[in-house]
Amino acid sequence: MEDVAAFAAMLPYGGRLLGLDVGTRTIGTALCDAGWSFATPATLIERTRFTADKAAISGLIAAEHVAGLVIGLPRSMDGSDSPRTQSVRAFARNLADLALPSLLWDERWSTVAVERAMVAADVSRAKRATRIDNAAAAYILQGAIDALTRS
């Protein structure tokens, strides 16, 4: 689902959210508090098979008592869908049996914004490479929770 209000209605009492930045080699993750105030980077998942990826996500959901998912949707700069967008939509559909509300959140510019912030903070190239996916997941999740708390 891409409707913030409908997603919020499925979570009437708040709850922790898990943000996902689904890449081809890794899945960046981030968590927010139950009151939807702030997002923080969590565990980086190295992609292997979908079943293993899903098991890692399920483990985070159980350990952190997650109430909903926010999945970054990589749209093209003009807002249209691309093959990568379709891949992430399929990934989200395959997570549907986790029985959690899911929000697909436009992630255009997320990685660029995070990388610029890291460069400005003088984070080394090596450290940026290991942290950027989780930081992008936090950026995506923060954007979604900001929208959720405005509505």
N, C-alpha and C. Protein backbone atom coordinates (compact mmCIF):
# COMPACT_ATOMS: atom_id res chain seq x y z
N MET A 1 0.84 -1.17 0.00
CA MET A 1 0.00 0.00 0.00
C MET A 1 0.89 1.24 0.00
N GLU A 2 0.41 2.28 -0.64
CA GLU A 2 1.16 3.53 -0.70
C GLU A 2 0.41 4.69 -0.05
N ASP A 3 -0.70 4.40 0.59
CA ASP A 3 -1.54 5.41 1.23
C ASP A 3 -1.19 5.52 2.71
N VAL A 4 -0.59 6.65 3.09
CA VAL A 4 -0.13 6.85 4.47
C VAL A 4 -1.30 6.81 5.45
N ALA A 5 -2.41 7.43 5.11
CA ALA A 5 -3.56 7.46 6.03
C ALA A 5 -4.13 6.05 6.25
N ALA A 6 -4.21 5.27 5.20
CA ALA A 6 -4.73 3.90 5.34
C ALA A 6 -3.75 3.06 6.17
N PHE A 7 -2.47 3.26 5.97
CA PHE A 7 -1.46 2.54 6.76
C PHE A 7 -1.60 2.92 8.23
N ALA A 8 -1.73 4.21 8.51
CA ALA A 8 -1.88 4.68 9.90
C ALA A 8 -3.14 4.10 10.54
N ALA A 9 -4.20 3.97 9.75
CA ALA A 9 -5.45 3.42 10.28
C ALA A 9 -5.30 1.95 10.68
N MET A 10 -4.37 1.27 10.04
CA MET A 10 -4.12 -0.13 10.37
C MET A 10 -3.27 -0.27 11.64
N LEU A 11 -2.71 0.85 12.09
CA LEU A 11 -1.87 0.88 13.30
C LEU A 11 -2.41 1.95 14.25
N PRO A 12 -3.65 1.83 14.72
CA PRO A 12 -4.27 2.91 15.48
C PRO A 12 -3.58 3.23 16.81
N TYR A 13 -2.80 2.30 17.33
CA TYR A 13 -2.16 2.54 18.62
C TYR A 13 -0.64 2.67 18.47
N GLY A 14 -0.19 3.01 17.29
CA GLY A 14 1.25 3.15 17.06
C GLY A 14 1.93 1.81 17.00
N GLY A 15 3.12 1.76 17.55
CA GLY A 15 3.91 0.53 17.53
C GLY A 15 5.18 0.73 16.74
N ARG A 16 6.16 -0.08 17.04
CA ARG A 16 7.44 0.03 16.34
C ARG A 16 7.28 -0.32 14.87
N LEU A 17 8.00 0.41 14.05
CA LEU A 17 8.01 0.15 12.62
C LEU A 17 9.41 -0.26 12.19
N LEU A 18 9.47 -1.12 11.20
CA LEU A 18 10.73 -1.57 10.61
C LEU A 18 10.81 -1.00 9.21
N GLY A 19 11.87 -0.24 8.95
CA GLY A 19 12.11 0.31 7.62
C GLY A 19 13.07 -0.58 6.87
N LEU A 20 12.80 -0.79 5.57
CA LEU A 20 13.65 -1.62 4.74
C LEU A 20 14.09 -0.85 3.50
N ASP A 21 15.38 -0.88 3.22
CA ASP A 21 15.94 -0.37 1.98
C ASP A 21 16.46 -1.59 1.23
N VAL A 22 15.63 -2.10 0.31
CA VAL A 22 15.91 -3.36 -0.36
C VAL A 22 16.81 -3.12 -1.56
N GLY A 23 18.04 -3.62 -1.45
CA GLY A 23 18.98 -3.52 -2.56
C GLY A 23 19.19 -4.89 -3.19
N THR A 24 20.05 -4.93 -4.19
CA THR A 24 20.30 -6.20 -4.86
C THR A 24 21.26 -7.08 -4.05
N ARG A 25 22.14 -6.48 -3.26
CA ARG A 25 23.10 -7.25 -2.46
C ARG A 25 22.82 -7.22 -0.97
N THR A 26 22.18 -6.16 -0.50
CA THR A 26 21.91 -6.02 0.93
C THR A 26 20.51 -5.46 1.14
N ILE A 27 20.04 -5.61 2.37
CA ILE A 27 18.80 -4.96 2.81
C ILE A 27 19.16 -4.14 4.03
N GLY A 28 19.09 -2.83 3.88
CA GLY A 28 19.31 -1.94 5.02
C GLY A 28 18.06 -1.94 5.86
N THR A 29 18.23 -1.93 7.18
CA THR A 29 17.07 -1.91 8.07
C THR A 29 17.19 -0.77 9.07
N ALA A 30 16.05 -0.32 9.54
CA ALA A 30 15.99 0.73 10.56
C ALA A 30 14.74 0.48 11.39
N LEU A 31 14.78 0.93 12.61
CA LEU A 31 13.65 0.80 13.53
C LEU A 31 13.26 2.16 14.08
N CYS A 32 12.00 2.32 14.40
CA CYS A 32 11.57 3.53 15.10
C CYS A 32 10.93 3.12 16.41
N ASP A 33 10.80 4.08 17.28
CA ASP A 33 10.16 3.84 18.57
C ASP A 33 8.65 3.69 18.37
N ALA A 34 7.97 3.20 19.37
CA ALA A 34 6.52 2.95 19.28
C ALA A 34 5.71 4.22 19.10
N GLY A 35 6.26 5.36 19.52
CA GLY A 35 5.56 6.63 19.38
C GLY A 35 5.83 7.34 18.07
N TRP A 36 6.60 6.73 17.18
CA TRP A 36 6.93 7.26 15.86
C TRP A 36 7.63 8.61 15.93
N SER A 37 8.63 8.70 16.80
CA SER A 37 9.37 9.95 16.92
C SER A 37 10.65 9.96 16.10
N PHE A 38 11.41 8.89 16.16
CA PHE A 38 12.70 8.89 15.48
C PHE A 38 13.06 7.50 14.96
N ALA A 39 13.79 7.47 13.86
CA ALA A 39 14.24 6.23 13.25
C ALA A 39 15.74 6.10 13.45
N THR A 40 16.19 4.88 13.71
CA THR A 40 17.63 4.63 13.87
C THR A 40 18.02 3.42 13.03
N PRO A 41 19.23 3.46 12.46
CA PRO A 41 19.70 2.31 11.68
C PRO A 41 19.75 1.06 12.54
N ALA A 42 19.50 -0.08 11.93
CA ALA A 42 19.52 -1.36 12.65
C ALA A 42 20.52 -2.30 11.96
N THR A 43 20.13 -3.52 11.73
CA THR A 43 21.00 -4.57 11.21
C THR A 43 21.03 -4.58 9.69
N LEU A 44 22.21 -4.74 9.12
CA LEU A 44 22.34 -4.91 7.68
C LEU A 44 22.18 -6.39 7.35
N ILE A 45 21.31 -6.67 6.41
CA ILE A 45 21.07 -8.05 6.00
C ILE A 45 21.76 -8.27 4.65
N GLU A 46 22.68 -9.23 4.61
CA GLU A 46 23.32 -9.60 3.35
C GLU A 46 22.35 -10.51 2.61
N ARG A 47 22.01 -10.14 1.37
CA ARG A 47 21.03 -10.92 0.62
C ARG A 47 21.62 -12.24 0.15
N THR A 48 20.82 -13.27 0.26
CA THR A 48 21.19 -14.58 -0.27
C THR A 48 19.99 -15.10 -1.06
N ARG A 49 19.22 -15.97 -0.47
CA ARG A 49 17.97 -16.45 -1.06
C ARG A 49 16.84 -15.71 -0.37
N PHE A 50 15.70 -15.62 -1.06
CA PHE A 50 14.57 -14.90 -0.46
C PHE A 50 14.17 -15.52 0.87
N THR A 51 14.16 -16.84 0.96
CA THR A 51 13.73 -17.48 2.21
C THR A 51 14.65 -17.08 3.37
N ALA A 52 15.94 -16.97 3.12
CA ALA A 52 16.87 -16.54 4.17
C ALA A 52 16.68 -15.06 4.50
N ASP A 53 16.46 -14.26 3.47
CA ASP A 53 16.20 -12.82 3.69
C ASP A 53 14.95 -12.63 4.53
N LYS A 54 13.90 -13.37 4.18
CA LYS A 54 12.63 -13.28 4.90
C LYS A 54 12.79 -13.76 6.35
N ALA A 55 13.58 -14.80 6.55
CA ALA A 55 13.81 -15.30 7.91
C ALA A 55 14.54 -14.25 8.74
N ALA A 56 15.50 -13.55 8.16
CA ALA A 56 16.22 -12.49 8.88
C ALA A 56 15.27 -11.35 9.24
N ILE A 57 14.41 -10.98 8.31
CA ILE A 57 13.42 -9.92 8.57
C ILE A 57 12.44 -10.38 9.64
N SER A 58 11.98 -11.61 9.56
CA SER A 58 11.06 -12.16 10.57
C SER A 58 11.70 -12.16 11.95
N GLY A 59 12.99 -12.48 12.01
CA GLY A 59 13.70 -12.46 13.28
C GLY A 59 13.72 -11.07 13.89
N LEU A 60 13.97 -10.05 13.07
CA LEU A 60 13.94 -8.66 13.55
C LEU A 60 12.55 -8.28 14.02
N ILE A 61 11.54 -8.67 13.26
CA ILE A 61 10.15 -8.36 13.62
C ILE A 61 9.82 -8.94 15.00
N ALA A 62 10.20 -10.19 15.21
CA ALA A 62 9.90 -10.85 16.49
C ALA A 62 10.71 -10.24 17.64
N ALA A 63 11.99 -10.03 17.41
CA ALA A 63 12.86 -9.53 18.47
C ALA A 63 12.52 -8.10 18.89
N GLU A 64 12.06 -7.31 17.94
CA GLU A 64 11.81 -5.88 18.21
C GLU A 64 10.33 -5.55 18.34
N HIS A 65 9.47 -6.55 18.29
CA HIS A 65 8.02 -6.36 18.44
C HIS A 65 7.49 -5.33 17.43
N VAL A 66 7.79 -5.55 16.18
CA VAL A 66 7.44 -4.64 15.10
C VAL A 66 5.96 -4.78 14.75
N ALA A 67 5.30 -3.63 14.57
CA ALA A 67 3.87 -3.60 14.25
C ALA A 67 3.60 -3.37 12.77
N GLY A 68 4.57 -2.84 12.03
CA GLY A 68 4.37 -2.55 10.61
C GLY A 68 5.69 -2.35 9.89
N LEU A 69 5.62 -2.45 8.55
CA LEU A 69 6.81 -2.31 7.70
C LEU A 69 6.70 -1.08 6.83
N VAL A 70 7.82 -0.40 6.64
CA VAL A 70 7.93 0.68 5.67
C VAL A 70 9.04 0.26 4.72
N ILE A 71 8.66 0.04 3.47
CA ILE A 71 9.60 -0.46 2.47
C ILE A 71 9.87 0.63 1.45
N GLY A 72 11.15 0.96 1.28
CA GLY A 72 11.54 1.98 0.31
C GLY A 72 11.23 1.53 -1.11
N LEU A 73 10.55 2.39 -1.87
CA LEU A 73 10.17 2.10 -3.25
C LEU A 73 11.02 2.95 -4.19
N PRO A 74 11.94 2.32 -4.92
CA PRO A 74 12.87 3.08 -5.77
C PRO A 74 12.26 3.50 -7.10
N ARG A 75 11.54 4.59 -7.09
CA ARG A 75 10.94 5.10 -8.32
C ARG A 75 12.00 5.81 -9.16
N SER A 76 11.71 5.94 -10.45
CA SER A 76 12.57 6.72 -11.33
C SER A 76 12.42 8.19 -10.95
N MET A 77 13.36 9.01 -11.38
CA MET A 77 13.31 10.43 -11.01
C MET A 77 12.04 11.13 -11.49
N ASP A 78 11.43 10.63 -12.57
CA ASP A 78 10.19 11.25 -13.04
C ASP A 78 8.96 10.68 -12.34
N GLY A 79 9.18 9.79 -11.36
CA GLY A 79 8.08 9.23 -10.59
C GLY A 79 7.52 7.94 -11.15
N SER A 80 8.01 7.53 -12.30
CA SER A 80 7.50 6.30 -12.91
C SER A 80 8.17 5.07 -12.31
N ASP A 81 7.55 3.93 -12.58
CA ASP A 81 8.12 2.66 -12.13
C ASP A 81 9.23 2.23 -13.08
N SER A 82 10.19 1.52 -12.51
CA SER A 82 11.32 0.97 -13.28
C SER A 82 11.36 -0.53 -12.99
N PRO A 83 12.24 -1.26 -13.65
CA PRO A 83 12.38 -2.68 -13.30
C PRO A 83 12.74 -2.87 -11.82
N ARG A 84 13.53 -1.99 -11.26
CA ARG A 84 13.90 -2.09 -9.84
C ARG A 84 12.68 -1.86 -8.95
N THR A 85 11.82 -0.92 -9.35
CA THR A 85 10.58 -0.66 -8.61
C THR A 85 9.72 -1.92 -8.59
N GLN A 86 9.59 -2.56 -9.75
CA GLN A 86 8.79 -3.78 -9.84
C GLN A 86 9.37 -4.89 -8.97
N SER A 87 10.70 -4.96 -8.91
CA SER A 87 11.36 -5.97 -8.07
C SER A 87 11.04 -5.76 -6.59
N VAL A 88 11.06 -4.50 -6.14
CA VAL A 88 10.75 -4.21 -4.74
C VAL A 88 9.26 -4.45 -4.46
N ARG A 89 8.39 -4.13 -5.40
CA ARG A 89 6.97 -4.43 -5.22
C ARG A 89 6.77 -5.94 -5.05
N ALA A 90 7.46 -6.74 -5.85
CA ALA A 90 7.36 -8.20 -5.74
C ALA A 90 7.90 -8.67 -4.38
N PHE A 91 9.00 -8.07 -3.93
CA PHE A 91 9.56 -8.40 -2.63
C PHE A 91 8.54 -8.12 -1.54
N ALA A 92 7.89 -6.96 -1.61
CA ALA A 92 6.87 -6.59 -0.62
C ALA A 92 5.69 -7.56 -0.66
N ARG A 93 5.25 -7.94 -1.86
CA ARG A 93 4.14 -8.91 -1.97
C ARG A 93 4.53 -10.25 -1.32
N ASN A 94 5.79 -10.63 -1.48
CA ASN A 94 6.25 -11.90 -0.91
C ASN A 94 6.37 -11.85 0.61
N LEU A 95 6.36 -10.66 1.18
CA LEU A 95 6.38 -10.52 2.64
C LEU A 95 4.97 -10.44 3.22
N ALA A 96 3.96 -10.45 2.37
CA ALA A 96 2.58 -10.28 2.81
C ALA A 96 2.15 -11.31 3.84
N ASP A 97 2.69 -12.52 3.76
CA ASP A 97 2.25 -13.54 4.71
C ASP A 97 2.82 -13.32 6.11
N LEU A 98 3.62 -12.28 6.30
CA LEU A 98 4.07 -11.92 7.64
C LEU A 98 2.93 -11.28 8.43
N ALA A 99 1.85 -10.97 7.75
CA ALA A 99 0.63 -10.43 8.35
C ALA A 99 0.85 -9.12 9.09
N LEU A 100 1.70 -8.27 8.53
CA LEU A 100 1.92 -6.93 9.08
C LEU A 100 1.52 -5.90 8.04
N PRO A 101 0.94 -4.79 8.47
CA PRO A 101 0.68 -3.72 7.52
C PRO A 101 1.99 -3.25 6.91
N SER A 102 1.96 -2.98 5.60
CA SER A 102 3.17 -2.52 4.90
C SER A 102 2.87 -1.25 4.12
N LEU A 103 3.81 -0.33 4.18
CA LEU A 103 3.71 0.92 3.44
C LEU A 103 4.89 0.98 2.48
N LEU A 104 4.60 1.21 1.19
CA LEU A 104 5.66 1.44 0.21
C LEU A 104 5.91 2.94 0.17
N TRP A 105 7.15 3.34 0.48
CA TRP A 105 7.49 4.75 0.62
C TRP A 105 8.48 5.16 -0.46
N ASP A 106 8.18 6.23 -1.18
CA ASP A 106 9.05 6.73 -2.24
C ASP A 106 10.43 7.05 -1.67
N GLU A 107 11.44 6.38 -2.18
CA GLU A 107 12.78 6.56 -1.63
C GLU A 107 13.72 7.35 -2.54
N ARG A 108 13.16 8.03 -3.54
CA ARG A 108 14.03 8.83 -4.39
C ARG A 108 14.86 9.78 -3.54
N TRP A 109 16.12 9.87 -3.83
CA TRP A 109 17.07 10.77 -3.17
C TRP A 109 17.55 10.29 -1.81
N SER A 110 17.01 9.19 -1.28
CA SER A 110 17.40 8.78 0.08
C SER A 110 18.89 8.48 0.19
N THR A 111 19.42 7.67 -0.70
CA THR A 111 20.83 7.31 -0.63
C THR A 111 21.71 8.53 -0.89
N VAL A 112 21.30 9.37 -1.83
CA VAL A 112 22.07 10.59 -2.13
C VAL A 112 22.10 11.51 -0.91
N ALA A 113 20.96 11.70 -0.27
CA ALA A 113 20.88 12.57 0.91
C ALA A 113 21.75 12.04 2.04
N VAL A 114 21.68 10.73 2.25
CA VAL A 114 22.47 10.12 3.33
C VAL A 114 23.95 10.22 3.03
N GLU A 115 24.33 9.95 1.79
CA GLU A 115 25.75 10.03 1.44
C GLU A 115 26.27 11.46 1.58
N ARG A 116 25.49 12.43 1.17
CA ARG A 116 25.91 13.83 1.33
C ARG A 116 26.11 14.18 2.80
N ALA A 117 25.21 13.71 3.64
CA ALA A 117 25.33 13.98 5.08
C ALA A 117 26.58 13.31 5.64
N MET A 118 26.86 12.10 5.19
CA MET A 118 28.05 11.41 5.68
C MET A 118 29.33 12.09 5.20
N VAL A 119 29.34 12.55 3.97
CA VAL A 119 30.51 13.27 3.45
C VAL A 119 30.69 14.56 4.24
N ALA A 120 29.60 15.27 4.51
CA ALA A 120 29.67 16.51 5.28
C ALA A 120 30.18 16.27 6.69
N ALA A 121 29.87 15.08 7.23
CA ALA A 121 30.33 14.72 8.58
C ALA A 121 31.72 14.10 8.55
N ASP A 122 32.35 14.09 7.37
CA ASP A 122 33.70 13.59 7.18
C ASP A 122 33.83 12.10 7.54
N VAL A 123 32.80 11.32 7.21
CA VAL A 123 32.85 9.87 7.40
C VAL A 123 33.67 9.30 6.25
N SER A 124 34.61 8.44 6.57
CA SER A 124 35.49 7.89 5.54
C SER A 124 34.70 7.08 4.52
N ARG A 125 35.26 6.94 3.34
CA ARG A 125 34.62 6.19 2.26
C ARG A 125 34.34 4.75 2.70
N ALA A 126 35.29 4.13 3.39
CA ALA A 126 35.12 2.75 3.86
C ALA A 126 33.96 2.63 4.85
N LYS A 127 33.87 3.56 5.79
CA LYS A 127 32.77 3.52 6.76
C LYS A 127 31.44 3.83 6.09
N ARG A 128 31.45 4.75 5.11
CA ARG A 128 30.20 5.05 4.39
C ARG A 128 29.68 3.81 3.69
N ALA A 129 30.58 3.04 3.09
CA ALA A 129 30.17 1.84 2.35
C ALA A 129 29.47 0.83 3.25
N THR A 130 29.91 0.73 4.50
CA THR A 130 29.31 -0.26 5.40
C THR A 130 28.06 0.27 6.10
N ARG A 131 27.85 1.56 6.10
CA ARG A 131 26.73 2.14 6.86
C ARG A 131 25.62 2.74 6.02
N ILE A 132 25.86 2.94 4.73
CA ILE A 132 24.93 3.72 3.93
C ILE A 132 23.56 3.07 3.78
N ASP A 133 23.50 1.74 3.63
CA ASP A 133 22.20 1.09 3.42
C ASP A 133 21.30 1.19 4.65
N ASN A 134 21.87 1.00 5.84
CA ASN A 134 21.07 1.14 7.06
C ASN A 134 20.69 2.60 7.29
N ALA A 135 21.60 3.51 6.98
CA ALA A 135 21.29 4.93 7.13
C ALA A 135 20.20 5.34 6.15
N ALA A 136 20.24 4.79 4.94
CA ALA A 136 19.18 5.08 3.96
C ALA A 136 17.84 4.53 4.45
N ALA A 137 17.86 3.34 5.06
CA ALA A 137 16.62 2.77 5.62
C ALA A 137 16.07 3.69 6.71
N ALA A 138 16.95 4.24 7.54
CA ALA A 138 16.51 5.16 8.59
C ALA A 138 15.94 6.44 7.98
N TYR A 139 16.55 6.93 6.92
CA TYR A 139 16.07 8.14 6.23
C TYR A 139 14.66 7.88 5.65
N ILE A 140 14.49 6.71 5.03
CA ILE A 140 13.19 6.33 4.47
C ILE A 140 12.15 6.24 5.57
N LEU A 141 12.50 5.54 6.64
CA LEU A 141 11.57 5.35 7.76
C LEU A 141 11.24 6.68 8.42
N GLN A 142 12.22 7.56 8.59
CA GLN A 142 11.96 8.86 9.21
C GLN A 142 10.99 9.68 8.36
N GLY A 143 11.16 9.64 7.04
CA GLY A 143 10.23 10.34 6.17
C GLY A 143 8.81 9.83 6.33
N ALA A 144 8.67 8.52 6.44
CA ALA A 144 7.34 7.93 6.60
C ALA A 144 6.74 8.29 7.95
N ILE A 145 7.53 8.20 9.03
CA ILE A 145 6.94 8.51 10.34
C ILE A 145 6.65 10.00 10.48
N ASP A 146 7.40 10.85 9.80
CA ASP A 146 7.08 12.27 9.79
C ASP A 146 5.72 12.49 9.11
N ALA A 147 5.48 11.79 8.01
CA ALA A 147 4.20 11.89 7.33
C ALA A 147 3.07 11.30 8.18
N LEU A 148 3.34 10.21 8.86
CA LEU A 148 2.33 9.58 9.72
C LEU A 148 1.91 10.49 10.87
N THR A 149 2.86 11.20 11.45
CA THR A 149 2.55 12.04 12.60
C THR A 149 1.94 13.39 12.19
N ARG A 150 2.05 13.75 10.91
CA ARG A 150 1.40 14.97 10.41
C ARG A 150 -0.05 14.73 10.09
N SER A 151 -0.41 13.46 9.78
CA SER A 151 -1.79 13.20 9.34
C SER A 151 -2.71 12.95 10.51
